Amino acid sequence: MPRSCCVFGCKSNNYKDDPIVATFSFPNDETKRKLWVRSINRADFQLSSSSVLRIKHFDEKFIVREGKFPCKDGSFITVLRHKLELTEDAYPTTLENQLKYLSKYLPRNRTTPSERRKRLKIQGT
């Protein structure tokens, strides 16, 4: 049976529309677990072993979608993951049905000048 997201007002618990959705259990580390509970902002929340958060509540930079494996020749093979994971520093940031100031929209990662020049060269401008 699918697990329900514990974010208040989360409408993504409808598995008829989207039957395969990644959910993440709360971390075992006490400090991280407190950060997650504080981030979802529920005064009446009781953490249990079945408490989970849906993938949509995490910024894309926290989601690990591919794995890199070394070859004997020193190169790496990149493989898409079937089971998504979160980075060690992940915490819930996007809470749609709550007050706007409770969501934390993270800034985009900055690119170096050489990366910007390369991108512009590829675009032809």
PDB file of N, CA and C in Angstrom:
ATOM      1  N   MET A   1       0.843  -1.185   0.000  1.00  0.00           N
ATOM      2  CA  MET A   1       0.000   0.000   0.000  1.00  0.00           C
ATOM      3  C   MET A   1       0.883   1.241   0.000  1.00  0.00           C
ATOM      4  N   PRO A   2       0.548   2.253  -0.787  1.00  0.00           N
ATOM      5  CA  PRO A   2       1.345   3.482  -0.843  1.00  0.00           C
ATOM      6  C   PRO A   2       1.319   4.217   0.491  1.00  0.00           C
ATOM      7  N   ARG A   3       2.398   4.899   0.757  1.00  0.00           N
ATOM      8  CA  ARG A   3       2.507   5.670   1.990  1.00  0.00           C
ATOM      9  C   ARG A   3       2.088   7.105   1.708  1.00  0.00           C
ATOM     10  N   SER A   4       1.422   7.726   2.670  1.00  0.00           N
ATOM     11  CA  SER A   4       0.931   9.097   2.509  1.00  0.00           C
ATOM     12  C   SER A   4       1.952  10.096   3.016  1.00  0.00           C
ATOM     13  N   CYS A   5       2.042  11.202   2.316  1.00  0.00           N
ATOM     14  CA  CYS A   5       2.943  12.293   2.698  1.00  0.00           C
ATOM     15  C   CYS A   5       2.412  12.953   3.966  1.00  0.00           C
ATOM     16  N   CYS A   6       3.318  13.321   4.865  1.00  0.00           N
ATOM     17  CA  CYS A   6       2.891  13.893   6.151  1.00  0.00           C
ATOM     18  C   CYS A   6       2.871  15.416   6.157  1.00  0.00           C
ATOM     19  N   VAL A   7       3.094  16.072   5.021  1.00  0.00           N
ATOM     20  CA  VAL A   7       3.007  17.528   4.955  1.00  0.00           C
ATOM     21  C   VAL A   7       1.537  17.930   4.966  1.00  0.00           C
ATOM     22  N   PHE A   8       1.190  18.860   5.855  1.00  0.00           N
ATOM     23  CA  PHE A   8      -0.205  19.293   5.992  1.00  0.00           C
ATOM     24  C   PHE A   8      -0.715  19.874   4.676  1.00  0.00           C
ATOM     25  N   GLY A   9      -1.870  19.400   4.241  1.00  0.00           N
ATOM     26  CA  GLY A   9      -2.495  19.929   3.040  1.00  0.00           C
ATOM     27  C   GLY A   9      -1.899  19.425   1.741  1.00  0.00           C
ATOM     28  N   CYS A  10      -1.002  18.456   1.803  1.00  0.00           N
ATOM     29  CA  CYS A  10      -0.381  17.930   0.581  1.00  0.00           C
ATOM     30  C   CYS A  10      -1.430  17.177  -0.215  1.00  0.00           C
ATOM     31  N   LYS A  11      -1.661  17.613  -1.425  1.00  0.00           N
ATOM     32  CA  LYS A  11      -2.675  17.012  -2.287  1.00  0.00           C
ATOM     33  C   LYS A  11      -2.087  15.909  -3.173  1.00  0.00           C
ATOM     34  N   SER A  12      -0.837  15.577  -2.972  1.00  0.00           N
ATOM     35  CA  SER A  12      -0.189  14.598  -3.839  1.00  0.00           C
ATOM     36  C   SER A  12      -0.391  13.166  -3.356  1.00  0.00           C
ATOM     37  N   ASN A  13      -1.285  12.957  -2.392  1.00  0.00           N
ATOM     38  CA  ASN A  13      -1.530  11.608  -1.902  1.00  0.00           C
ATOM     39  C   ASN A  13      -2.517  10.848  -2.771  1.00  0.00           C
ATOM     40  N   ASN A  14      -2.917  11.422  -3.902  1.00  0.00           N
ATOM     41  CA  ASN A  14      -3.822  10.767  -4.826  1.00  0.00           C
ATOM     42  C   ASN A  14      -3.007   9.889  -5.775  1.00  0.00           C
ATOM     43  N   TYR A  15      -2.942   8.615  -5.490  1.00  0.00           N
ATOM     44  CA  TYR A  15      -2.127   7.702  -6.284  1.00  0.00           C
ATOM     45  C   TYR A  15      -2.828   7.250  -7.564  1.00  0.00           C
ATOM     46  N   LYS A  16      -4.090   7.644  -7.756  1.00  0.00           N
ATOM     47  CA  LYS A  16      -4.780   7.293  -8.993  1.00  0.00           C
ATOM     48  C   LYS A  16      -4.178   8.061 -10.164  1.00  0.00           C
ATOM     49  N   ASP A  17      -3.800   9.335  -9.939  1.00  0.00           N
ATOM     50  CA  ASP A  17      -3.228  10.168 -10.993  1.00  0.00           C
ATOM     51  C   ASP A  17      -1.766   9.834 -11.247  1.00  0.00           C
ATOM     52  N   ASP A  18      -1.029   9.513 -10.195  1.00  0.00           N
ATOM     53  CA  ASP A  18       0.404   9.284 -10.310  1.00  0.00           C
ATOM     54  C   ASP A  18       0.787   8.096  -9.417  1.00  0.00           C
ATOM     55  N   PRO A  19       0.684   6.860  -9.924  1.00  0.00           N
ATOM     56  CA  PRO A  19       0.874   5.684  -9.072  1.00  0.00           C
ATOM     57  C   PRO A  19       2.312   5.448  -8.602  1.00  0.00           C
ATOM     58  N   ILE A  20       3.307   5.963  -9.324  1.00  0.00           N
ATOM     59  CA  ILE A  20       4.698   5.738  -8.948  1.00  0.00           C
ATOM     60  C   ILE A  20       5.319   7.074  -8.563  1.00  0.00           C
ATOM     61  N   VAL A  21       5.427   7.295  -7.261  1.00  0.00           N
ATOM     62  CA  VAL A  21       5.984   8.541  -6.751  1.00  0.00           C
ATOM     63  C   VAL A  21       6.984   8.191  -5.664  1.00  0.00           C
ATOM     64  N   ALA A  22       8.142   8.839  -5.710  1.00  0.00           N
ATOM     65  CA  ALA A  22       9.176   8.578  -4.708  1.00  0.00           C
ATOM     66  C   ALA A  22       8.797   9.226  -3.388  1.00  0.00           C
ATOM     67  N   THR A  23       8.970   8.458  -2.312  1.00  0.00           N
ATOM     68  CA  THR A  23       8.782   8.974  -0.960  1.00  0.00           C
ATOM     69  C   THR A  23      10.062   8.713  -0.185  1.00  0.00           C
ATOM     70  N   PHE A  24      10.319   9.558   0.778  1.00  0.00           N
ATOM     71  CA  PHE A  24      11.534   9.437   1.578  1.00  0.00           C
ATOM     72  C   PHE A  24      11.180   9.415   3.055  1.00  0.00           C
ATOM     73  N   SER A  25      11.735   8.447   3.775  1.00  0.00           N
ATOM     74  CA  SER A  25      11.543   8.356   5.220  1.00  0.00           C
ATOM     75  C   SER A  25      12.387   9.414   5.910  1.00  0.00           C
ATOM     76  N   PHE A  26      11.998   9.740   7.120  1.00  0.00           N
ATOM     77  CA  PHE A  26      12.757  10.714   7.905  1.00  0.00           C
ATOM     78  C   PHE A  26      14.124  10.121   8.250  1.00  0.00           C
ATOM     79  N   PRO A  27      15.159  10.954   8.304  1.00  0.00           N
ATOM     80  CA  PRO A  27      16.512  10.449   8.579  1.00  0.00           C
ATOM     81  C   PRO A  27      16.645   9.908  10.005  1.00  0.00           C
ATOM     82  N   ASN A  28      17.604   9.019  10.202  1.00  0.00           N
ATOM     83  CA  ASN A  28      17.860   8.446  11.528  1.00  0.00           C
ATOM     84  C   ASN A  28      18.622   9.412  12.420  1.00  0.00           C
ATOM     85  N   ASP A  29      19.422  10.283  11.815  1.00  0.00           N
ATOM     86  CA  ASP A  29      20.200  11.252  12.583  1.00  0.00           C
ATOM     87  C   ASP A  29      19.250  12.230  13.276  1.00  0.00           C
ATOM     88  N   GLU A  30      19.402  12.363  14.589  1.00  0.00           N
ATOM     89  CA  GLU A  30      18.502  13.189  15.400  1.00  0.00           C
ATOM     90  C   GLU A  30      18.456  14.646  14.935  1.00  0.00           C
ATOM     91  N   THR A  31      19.600  15.233  14.625  1.00  0.00           N
ATOM     92  CA  THR A  31      19.656  16.635  14.202  1.00  0.00           C
ATOM     93  C   THR A  31      18.926  16.838  12.873  1.00  0.00           C
ATOM     94  N   LYS A  32      19.177  15.960  11.920  1.00  0.00           N
ATOM     95  CA  LYS A  32      18.508  16.074  10.610  1.00  0.00           C
ATOM     96  C   LYS A  32      17.008  15.833  10.742  1.00  0.00           C
ATOM     97  N   ARG A  33      16.639  14.852  11.573  1.00  0.00           N
ATOM     98  CA  ARG A  33      15.220  14.559  11.761  1.00  0.00           C
ATOM     99  C   ARG A  33      14.489  15.775  12.342  1.00  0.00           C
ATOM    100  N   LYS A  34      15.099  16.461  13.319  1.00  0.00           N
ATOM    101  CA  LYS A  34      14.491  17.664  13.895  1.00  0.00           C
ATOM    102  C   LYS A  34      14.354  18.770  12.851  1.00  0.00           C
ATOM    103  N   LEU A  35      15.359  18.902  11.977  1.00  0.00           N
ATOM    104  CA  LEU A  35      15.296  19.897  10.899  1.00  0.00           C
ATOM    105  C   LEU A  35      14.128  19.594   9.963  1.00  0.00           C
ATOM    106  N   TRP A  36      13.935  18.336   9.605  1.00  0.00           N
ATOM    107  CA  TRP A  36      12.828  17.954   8.728  1.00  0.00           C
ATOM    108  C   TRP A  36      11.488  18.243   9.394  1.00  0.00           C
ATOM    109  N   VAL A  37      11.347  17.873  10.663  1.00  0.00           N
ATOM    110  CA  VAL A  37      10.081  18.101  11.373  1.00  0.00           C
ATOM    111  C   VAL A  37       9.805  19.594  11.482  1.00  0.00           C
ATOM    112  N   ARG A  38      10.826  20.378  11.784  1.00  0.00           N
ATOM    113  CA  ARG A  38      10.669  21.831  11.876  1.00  0.00           C
ATOM    114  C   ARG A  38      10.324  22.417  10.508  1.00  0.00           C
ATOM    115  N   SER A  39      10.871  21.846   9.438  1.00  0.00           N
ATOM    116  CA  SER A  39      10.626  22.364   8.089  1.00  0.00           C
ATOM    117  C   SER A  39       9.193  22.155   7.627  1.00  0.00           C
ATOM    118  N   ILE A  40       8.565  21.056   8.030  1.00  0.00           N
ATOM    119  CA  ILE A  40       7.191  20.813   7.568  1.00  0.00           C
ATOM    120  C   ILE A  40       6.167  21.604   8.374  1.00  0.00           C
ATOM    121  N   ASN A  41       6.571  22.173   9.517  1.00  0.00           N
ATOM    122  CA  ASN A  41       5.760  23.123  10.269  1.00  0.00           C
ATOM    123  C   ASN A  41       4.388  22.577  10.641  1.00  0.00           C
ATOM    124  N   ARG A  42       4.384  21.485  11.397  1.00  0.00           N
ATOM    125  CA  ARG A  42       3.136  20.927  11.924  1.00  0.00           C
ATOM    126  C   ARG A  42       3.266  20.806  13.427  1.00  0.00           C
ATOM    127  N   ALA A  43       2.425  21.551  14.153  1.00  0.00           N
ATOM    128  CA  ALA A  43       2.493  21.539  15.614  1.00  0.00           C
ATOM    129  C   ALA A  43       2.017  20.209  16.190  1.00  0.00           C
ATOM    130  N   ASP A  44       1.059  19.574  15.540  1.00  0.00           N
ATOM    131  CA  ASP A  44       0.472  18.338  16.055  1.00  0.00           C
ATOM    132  C   ASP A  44       1.137  17.079  15.506  1.00  0.00           C
ATOM    133  N   PHE A  45       2.240  17.209  14.841  1.00  0.00           N
ATOM    134  CA  PHE A  45       2.869  16.078  14.147  1.00  0.00           C
ATOM    135  C   PHE A  45       3.549  15.121  15.121  1.00  0.00           C
ATOM    136  N   GLN A  46       3.222  13.844  14.986  1.00  0.00           N
ATOM    137  CA  GLN A  46       3.866  12.785  15.759  1.00  0.00           C
ATOM    138  C   GLN A  46       4.628  11.901  14.781  1.00  0.00           C
ATOM    139  N   LEU A  47       5.926  11.893  14.875  1.00  0.00           N
ATOM    140  CA  LEU A  47       6.776  11.115  13.974  1.00  0.00           C
ATOM    141  C   LEU A  47       6.598   9.628  14.247  1.00  0.00           C
ATOM    142  N   SER A  48       6.412   8.844  13.194  1.00  0.00           N
ATOM    143  CA  SER A  48       6.302   7.396  13.325  1.00  0.00           C
ATOM    144  C   SER A  48       7.208   6.742  12.285  1.00  0.00           C
ATOM    145  N   SER A  49       7.291   5.436  12.329  1.00  0.00           N
ATOM    146  CA  SER A  49       8.158   4.719  11.382  1.00  0.00           C
ATOM    147  C   SER A  49       7.610   4.780   9.957  1.00  0.00           C
ATOM    148  N   SER A  50       6.322   5.086   9.799  1.00  0.00           N
ATOM    149  CA  SER A  50       5.733   5.164   8.465  1.00  0.00           C
ATOM    150  C   SER A  50       5.650   6.593   7.931  1.00  0.00           C
ATOM    151  N   SER A  51       6.170   7.568   8.658  1.00  0.00           N
ATOM    152  CA  SER A  51       6.129   8.971   8.219  1.00  0.00           C
ATOM    153  C   SER A  51       7.078   9.183   7.044  1.00  0.00           C
ATOM    154  N   VAL A  52       6.556   9.758   5.974  1.00  0.00           N
ATOM    155  CA  VAL A  52       7.359   9.997   4.768  1.00  0.00           C
ATOM    156  C   VAL A  52       7.033  11.363   4.179  1.00  0.00           C
ATOM    157  N   LEU A  53       7.922  11.831   3.317  1.00  0.00           N
ATOM    158  CA  LEU A  53       7.707  13.047   2.534  1.00  0.00           C
ATOM    159  C   LEU A  53       7.828  12.690   1.067  1.00  0.00           C
ATOM    160  N   ARG A  54       6.999  13.308   0.250  1.00  0.00           N
ATOM    161  CA  ARG A  54       7.039  13.060  -1.190  1.00  0.00           C
ATOM    162  C   ARG A  54       8.198  13.827  -1.814  1.00  0.00           C
ATOM    163  N   ILE A  55       8.627  13.391  -2.972  1.00  0.00           N
ATOM    164  CA  ILE A  55       9.766  13.978  -3.672  1.00  0.00           C
ATOM    165  C   ILE A  55       9.522  15.443  -4.017  1.00  0.00           C
ATOM    166  N   LYS A  56       8.271  15.830  -4.219  1.00  0.00           N
ATOM    167  CA  LYS A  56       7.972  17.200  -4.638  1.00  0.00           C
ATOM    168  C   LYS A  56       8.272  18.241  -3.566  1.00  0.00           C
ATOM    169  N   HIS A  57       8.550  17.823  -2.338  1.00  0.00           N
ATOM    170  CA  HIS A  57       8.847  18.760  -1.256  1.00  0.00           C
ATOM    171  C   HIS A  57      10.342  19.048  -1.119  1.00  0.00           C
ATOM    172  N   PHE A  58      11.156  18.507  -2.022  1.00  0.00           N
ATOM    173  CA  PHE A  58      12.602  18.713  -1.978  1.00  0.00           C
ATOM    174  C   PHE A  58      13.063  19.442  -3.236  1.00  0.00           C
ATOM    175  N   ASP A  59      14.010  20.338  -3.066  1.00  0.00           N
ATOM    176  CA  ASP A  59      14.603  21.038  -4.198  1.00  0.00           C
ATOM    177  C   ASP A  59      15.347  20.017  -5.066  1.00  0.00           C
ATOM    178  N   GLU A  60      15.401  20.271  -6.348  1.00  0.00           N
ATOM    179  CA  GLU A  60      16.033  19.345  -7.293  1.00  0.00           C
ATOM    180  C   GLU A  60      17.506  19.089  -6.973  1.00  0.00           C
ATOM    181  N   LYS A  61      18.184  20.053  -6.362  1.00  0.00           N
ATOM    182  CA  LYS A  61      19.605  19.869  -6.066  1.00  0.00           C
ATOM    183  C   LYS A  61      19.836  18.814  -4.985  1.00  0.00           C
ATOM    184  N   PHE A  62      18.792  18.448  -4.224  1.00  0.00           N
ATOM    185  CA  PHE A  62      18.918  17.434  -3.185  1.00  0.00           C
ATOM    186  C   PHE A  62      18.633  16.019  -3.691  1.00  0.00           C
ATOM    187  N   ILE A  63      18.164  15.873  -4.915  1.00  0.00           N
ATOM    188  CA  ILE A  63      17.746  14.572  -5.428  1.00  0.00           C
ATOM    189  C   ILE A  63      18.858  13.964  -6.284  1.00  0.00           C
ATOM    190  N   VAL A  64      19.235  12.739  -5.957  1.00  0.00           N
ATOM    191  CA  VAL A  64      20.259  12.009  -6.708  1.00  0.00           C
ATOM    192  C   VAL A  64      19.534  11.102  -7.698  1.00  0.00           C
ATOM    193  N   ARG A  65      19.614  11.446  -8.980  1.00  0.00           N
ATOM    194  CA  ARG A  65      18.903  10.696 -10.018  1.00  0.00           C
ATOM    195  C   ARG A  65      19.793   9.725 -10.800  1.00  0.00           C
ATOM    196  N   GLU A  66      21.093   9.853 -10.638  1.00  0.00           N
ATOM    197  CA  GLU A  66      22.000   8.964 -11.380  1.00  0.00           C
ATOM    198  C   GLU A  66      23.192   8.590 -10.510  1.00  0.00           C
ATOM    199  N   GLY A  67      23.772   7.447 -10.822  1.00  0.00           N
ATOM    200  CA  GLY A  67      24.943   6.979 -10.099  1.00  0.00           C
ATOM    201  C   GLY A  67      26.129   6.874 -11.038  1.00  0.00           C
ATOM    202  N   LYS A  68      27.326   7.096 -10.521  1.00  0.00           N
ATOM    203  CA  LYS A  68      28.546   6.988 -11.316  1.00  0.00           C
ATOM    204  C   LYS A  68      29.383   5.853 -10.763  1.00  0.00           C
ATOM    205  N   PHE A  69      29.802   4.971 -11.658  1.00  0.00           N
ATOM    206  CA  PHE A  69      30.578   3.805 -11.259  1.00  0.00           C
ATOM    207  C   PHE A  69      31.882   3.773 -12.037  1.00  0.00           C
ATOM    208  N   PRO A  70      33.010   3.509 -11.362  1.00  0.00           N
ATOM    209  CA  PRO A  70      34.305   3.499 -12.048  1.00  0.00           C
ATOM    210  C   PRO A  70      34.507   2.216 -12.861  1.00  0.00           C
ATOM    211  N   CYS A  71      35.196   2.366 -13.984  1.00  0.00           N
ATOM    212  CA  CYS A  71      35.590   1.226 -14.813  1.00  0.00           C
ATOM    213  C   CYS A  71      37.059   0.916 -14.543  1.00  0.00           C
ATOM    214  N   LYS A  72      37.533  -0.208 -15.061  1.00  0.00           N
ATOM    215  CA  LYS A  72      38.931  -0.601 -14.864  1.00  0.00           C
ATOM    216  C   LYS A  72      39.897   0.352 -15.557  1.00  0.00           C
ATOM    217  N   ASP A  73      39.462   0.974 -16.655  1.00  0.00           N
ATOM    218  CA  ASP A  73      40.335   1.878 -17.396  1.00  0.00           C
ATOM    219  C   ASP A  73      40.373   3.295 -16.809  1.00  0.00           C
ATOM    220  N   GLY A  74      39.671   3.528 -15.704  1.00  0.00           N
ATOM    221  CA  GLY A  74      39.690   4.836 -15.051  1.00  0.00           C
ATOM    222  C   GLY A  74      38.529   5.743 -15.432  1.00  0.00           C
ATOM    223  N   SER A  75      37.751   5.370 -16.421  1.00  0.00           N
ATOM    224  CA  SER A  75      36.589   6.171 -16.807  1.00  0.00           C
ATOM    225  C   SER A  75      35.405   5.808 -15.901  1.00  0.00           C
ATOM    226  N   PHE A  76      34.326   6.546 -16.044  1.00  0.00           N
ATOM    227  CA  PHE A  76      33.138   6.314 -15.225  1.00  0.00           C
ATOM    228  C   PHE A  76      31.940   6.016 -16.102  1.00  0.00           C
ATOM    229  N   ILE A  77      31.069   5.160 -15.622  1.00  0.00           N
ATOM    230  CA  ILE A  77      29.801   4.873 -16.273  1.00  0.00           C
ATOM    231  C   ILE A  77      28.709   5.560 -15.458  1.00  0.00           C
ATOM    232  N   THR A  78      27.848   6.307 -16.135  1.00  0.00           N
ATOM    233  CA  THR A  78      26.742   6.978 -15.472  1.00  0.00           C
ATOM    234  C   THR A  78      25.459   6.215 -15.770  1.00  0.00           C
ATOM    235  N   VAL A  79      24.740   5.855 -14.706  1.00  0.00           N
ATOM    236  CA  VAL A  79      23.528   5.058 -14.835  1.00  0.00           C
ATOM    237  C   VAL A  79      22.387   5.765 -14.110  1.00  0.00           C
ATOM    238  N   LEU A  80      21.214   5.839 -14.753  1.00  0.00           N
ATOM    239  CA  LEU A  80      20.041   6.412 -14.097  1.00  0.00           C
ATOM    240  C   LEU A  80      19.571   5.474 -12.990  1.00  0.00           C
ATOM    241  N   ARG A  81      19.199   6.034 -11.851  1.00  0.00           N
ATOM    242  CA  ARG A  81      18.723   5.235 -10.718  1.00  0.00           C
ATOM    243  C   ARG A  81      17.233   4.945 -10.864  1.00  0.00           C
ATOM    244  N   HIS A  82      16.843   3.729 -10.519  1.00  0.00           N
ATOM    245  CA  HIS A  82      15.418   3.408 -10.460  1.00  0.00           C
ATOM    246  C   HIS A  82      14.847   3.845  -9.115  1.00  0.00           C
ATOM    247  N   LYS A  83      15.665   3.747  -8.071  1.00  0.00           N
ATOM    248  CA  LYS A  83      15.260   4.194  -6.744  1.00  0.00           C
ATOM    249  C   LYS A  83      16.029   5.473  -6.440  1.00  0.00           C
ATOM    250  N   LEU A  84      15.315   6.584  -6.385  1.00  0.00           N
ATOM    251  CA  LEU A  84      15.952   7.874  -6.151  1.00  0.00           C
ATOM    252  C   LEU A  84      16.416   7.990  -4.707  1.00  0.00           C
ATOM    253  N   GLU A  85      17.462   8.778  -4.497  1.00  0.00           N
ATOM    254  CA  GLU A  85      17.995   9.024  -3.164  1.00  0.00           C
ATOM    255  C   GLU A  85      18.115  10.524  -2.943  1.00  0.00           C
ATOM    256  N   LEU A  86      18.330  10.892  -1.689  1.00  0.00           N
ATOM    257  CA  LEU A  86      18.562  12.279  -1.330  1.00  0.00           C
ATOM    258  C   LEU A  86      20.010  12.454  -0.910  1.00  0.00           C
ATOM    259  N   THR A  87      20.531  13.659  -1.094  1.00  0.00           N
ATOM    260  CA  THR A  87      21.882  13.957  -0.629  1.00  0.00           C
ATOM    261  C   THR A  87      21.876  14.034   0.896  1.00  0.00           C
ATOM    262  N   GLU A  88      23.051  14.011   1.489  1.00  0.00           N
ATOM    263  CA  GLU A  88      23.168  14.037   2.950  1.00  0.00           C
ATOM    264  C   GLU A  88      22.621  15.326   3.571  1.00  0.00           C
ATOM    265  N   ASP A  89      22.707  16.438   2.840  1.00  0.00           N
ATOM    266  CA  ASP A  89      22.274  17.721   3.388  1.00  0.00           C
ATOM    267  C   ASP A  89      20.837  18.093   3.010  1.00  0.00           C
ATOM    268  N   ALA A  90      20.057  17.138   2.512  1.00  0.00           N
ATOM    269  CA  ALA A  90      18.694  17.404   2.038  1.00  0.00           C
ATOM    270  C   ALA A  90      17.745  17.730   3.186  1.00  0.00           C
ATOM    271  N   TYR A  91      16.826  18.649   2.914  1.00  0.00           N
ATOM    272  CA  TYR A  91      15.746  18.971   3.845  1.00  0.00           C
ATOM    273  C   TYR A  91      14.574  19.493   3.011  1.00  0.00           C
ATOM    274  N   PRO A  92      13.343  19.360   3.512  1.00  0.00           N
ATOM    275  CA  PRO A  92      12.174  19.814   2.749  1.00  0.00           C
ATOM    276  C   PRO A  92      12.183  21.327   2.562  1.00  0.00           C
ATOM    277  N   THR A  93      11.952  21.752   1.330  1.00  0.00           N
ATOM    278  CA  THR A  93      11.985  23.184   1.035  1.00  0.00           C
ATOM    279  C   THR A  93      10.689  23.700   0.424  1.00  0.00           C
ATOM    280  N   THR A  94       9.947  22.872  -0.285  1.00  0.00           N
ATOM    281  CA  THR A  94       8.791  23.329  -1.043  1.00  0.00           C
ATOM    282  C   THR A  94       7.509  22.818  -0.395  1.00  0.00           C
ATOM    283  N   LEU A  95       6.763  23.714   0.215  1.00  0.00           N
ATOM    284  CA  LEU A  95       5.515  23.364   0.896  1.00  0.00           C
ATOM    285  C   LEU A  95       4.404  24.218   0.307  1.00  0.00           C
ATOM    286  N   GLU A  96       3.742  23.722  -0.732  1.00  0.00           N
ATOM    287  CA  GLU A  96       2.801  24.523  -1.516  1.00  0.00           C
ATOM    288  C   GLU A  96       1.601  25.037  -0.740  1.00  0.00           C
ATOM    289  N   ASN A  97       0.984  24.205   0.074  1.00  0.00           N
ATOM    290  CA  ASN A  97      -0.284  24.563   0.694  1.00  0.00           C
ATOM    291  C   ASN A  97      -0.127  25.245   2.052  1.00  0.00           C
ATOM    292  N   GLN A  98       1.023  25.789   2.310  1.00  0.00           N
ATOM    293  CA  GLN A  98       1.249  26.500   3.554  1.00  0.00           C
ATOM    294  C   GLN A  98       1.602  27.947   3.235  1.00  0.00           C
ATOM    295  N   LEU A  99       1.823  28.722   4.264  1.00  0.00           N
ATOM    296  CA  LEU A  99       2.173  30.126   4.050  1.00  0.00           C
ATOM    297  C   LEU A  99       3.447  30.227   3.222  1.00  0.00           C
ATOM    298  N   LYS A 100       3.505  31.219   2.344  1.00  0.00           N
ATOM    299  CA  LYS A 100       4.623  31.349   1.399  1.00  0.00           C
ATOM    300  C   LYS A 100       5.977  31.442   2.081  1.00  0.00           C
ATOM    301  N   TYR A 101       6.036  32.123   3.219  1.00  0.00           N
ATOM    302  CA  TYR A 101       7.340  32.306   3.862  1.00  0.00           C
ATOM    303  C   TYR A 101       7.886  31.016   4.464  1.00  0.00           C
ATOM    304  N   LEU A 102       7.070  29.963   4.551  1.00  0.00           N
ATOM    305  CA  LEU A 102       7.558  28.692   5.082  1.00  0.00           C
ATOM    306  C   LEU A 102       8.334  27.898   4.042  1.00  0.00           C
ATOM    307  N   SER A 103       8.095  28.158   2.765  1.00  0.00           N
ATOM    308  CA  SER A 103       8.851  27.492   1.706  1.00  0.00           C
ATOM    309  C   SER A 103      10.163  28.219   1.490  1.00  0.00           C
ATOM    310  N   LYS A 104      11.202  27.461   1.254  1.00  0.00           N
ATOM    311  CA  LYS A 104      12.523  28.045   1.031  1.00  0.00           C
ATOM    312  C   LYS A 104      12.927  27.739  -0.407  1.00  0.00           C
ATOM    313  N   TYR A 105      12.870  28.736  -1.250  1.00  0.00           N
ATOM    314  CA  TYR A 105      13.262  28.551  -2.641  1.00  0.00           C
ATOM    315  C   TYR A 105      14.750  28.833  -2.744  1.00  0.00           C
ATOM    316  N   LEU A 106      15.508  27.801  -3.015  1.00  0.00           N
ATOM    317  CA  LEU A 106      16.963  27.910  -3.034  1.00  0.00           C
ATOM    318  C   LEU A 106      17.433  28.582  -4.321  1.00  0.00           C
ATOM    319  N   PRO A 107      18.477  29.372  -4.251  1.00  0.00           N
ATOM    320  CA  PRO A 107      18.993  30.019  -5.463  1.00  0.00           C
ATOM    321  C   PRO A 107      19.622  28.985  -6.395  1.00  0.00           C
ATOM    322  N   ARG A 108      19.619  29.297  -7.670  1.00  0.00           N
ATOM    323  CA  ARG A 108      20.247  28.410  -8.640  1.00  0.00           C
ATOM    324  C   ARG A 108      21.743  28.361  -8.404  1.00  0.00           C
ATOM    325  N   ASN A 109      22.351  27.250  -8.791  1.00  0.00           N
ATOM    326  CA  ASN A 109      23.801  27.142  -8.684  1.00  0.00           C
ATOM    327  C   ASN A 109      24.453  28.068  -9.699  1.00  0.00           C
ATOM    328  N   ARG A 110      25.479  28.773  -9.267  1.00  0.00           N
ATOM    329  CA  ARG A 110      26.179  29.702 -10.157  1.00  0.00           C
ATOM    330  C   ARG A 110      27.095  28.928 -11.089  1.00  0.00           C
ATOM    331  N   THR A 111      27.267  29.465 -12.281  1.00  0.00           N
ATOM    332  CA  THR A 111      28.196  28.861 -13.234  1.00  0.00           C
ATOM    333  C   THR A 111      29.443  29.729 -13.328  1.00  0.00           C
ATOM    334  N   THR A 112      30.537  29.097 -13.684  1.00  0.00           N
ATOM    335  CA  THR A 112      31.785  29.832 -13.827  1.00  0.00           C
ATOM    336  C   THR A 112      31.768  30.599 -15.152  1.00  0.00           C
ATOM    337  N   PRO A 113      32.599  31.635 -15.301  1.00  0.00           N
ATOM    338  CA  PRO A 113      32.647  32.369 -16.569  1.00  0.00           C
ATOM    339  C   PRO A 113      32.969  31.468 -17.762  1.00  0.00           C
ATOM    340  N   SER A 114      33.856  30.484 -17.580  1.00  0.00           N
ATOM    341  CA  SER A 114      34.196  29.602 -18.708  1.00  0.00           C
ATOM    342  C   SER A 114      32.993  28.742 -19.112  1.00  0.00           C
ATOM    343  N   GLU A 115      32.193  28.310 -18.144  1.00  0.00           N
ATOM    344  CA  GLU A 115      30.983  27.542 -18.474  1.00  0.00           C
ATOM    345  C   GLU A 115      29.975  28.401 -19.218  1.00  0.00           C
ATOM    346  N   ARG A 116      29.838  29.668 -18.811  1.00  0.00           N
ATOM    347  CA  ARG A 116      28.915  30.575 -19.501  1.00  0.00           C
ATOM    348  C   ARG A 116      29.373  30.828 -20.929  1.00  0.00           C
ATOM    349  N   ARG A 117      30.699  31.030 -21.127  1.00  0.00           N
ATOM    350  CA  ARG A 117      31.229  31.247 -22.486  1.00  0.00           C
ATOM    351  C   ARG A 117      30.988  30.024 -23.361  1.00  0.00           C
ATOM    352  N   LYS A 118      31.202  28.837 -22.789  1.00  0.00           N
ATOM    353  CA  LYS A 118      30.988  27.604 -23.535  1.00  0.00           C
ATOM    354  C   LYS A 118      29.521  27.463 -23.931  1.00  0.00           C
ATOM    355  N   ARG A 119      28.601  27.785 -23.015  1.00  0.00           N
ATOM    356  CA  ARG A 119      27.180  27.699 -23.301  1.00  0.00           C
ATOM    357  C   ARG A 119      26.782  28.689 -24.390  1.00  0.00           C
ATOM    358  N   LEU A 120      27.321  29.909 -24.335  1.00  0.00           N
ATOM    359  CA  LEU A 120      27.012  30.911 -25.351  1.00  0.00           C
ATOM    360  C   LEU A 120      27.574  30.511 -26.707  1.00  0.00           C
ATOM    361  N   LYS A 121      28.759  29.885 -26.704  1.00  0.00           N
ATOM    362  CA  LYS A 121      29.365  29.432 -27.958  1.00  0.00           C
ATOM    363  C   LYS A 121      28.521  28.339 -28.601  1.00  0.00           C
ATOM    364  N   ILE A 122      27.978  27.446 -27.791  1.00  0.00           N
ATOM    365  CA  ILE A 122      27.125  26.381 -28.292  1.00  0.00           C
ATOM    366  C   ILE A 122      25.836  26.953 -28.853  1.00  0.00           C
ATOM    367  N   GLN A 123      25.281  27.974 -28.174  1.00  0.00           N
ATOM    368  CA  GLN A 123      24.032  28.593 -28.645  1.00  0.00           C
ATOM    369  C   GLN A 123      24.228  29.430 -29.896  1.00  0.00           C
ATOM    370  N   GLY A 124      25.485  29.790 -30.187  1.00  0.00           N
ATOM    371  CA  GLY A 124      25.766  30.540 -31.414  1.00  0.00           C
ATOM    372  C   GLY A 124      25.603  32.036 -31.293  1.00  0.00           C
ATOM    373  N   THR A 125      25.648  32.569 -30.091  1.00  0.00           N
ATOM    374  CA  THR A 125      25.511  34.029 -29.950  1.00  0.00           C
ATOM    375  C   THR A 125      26.814  34.640 -29.523  1.00  0.00           C
TER     376      THR A 125
END
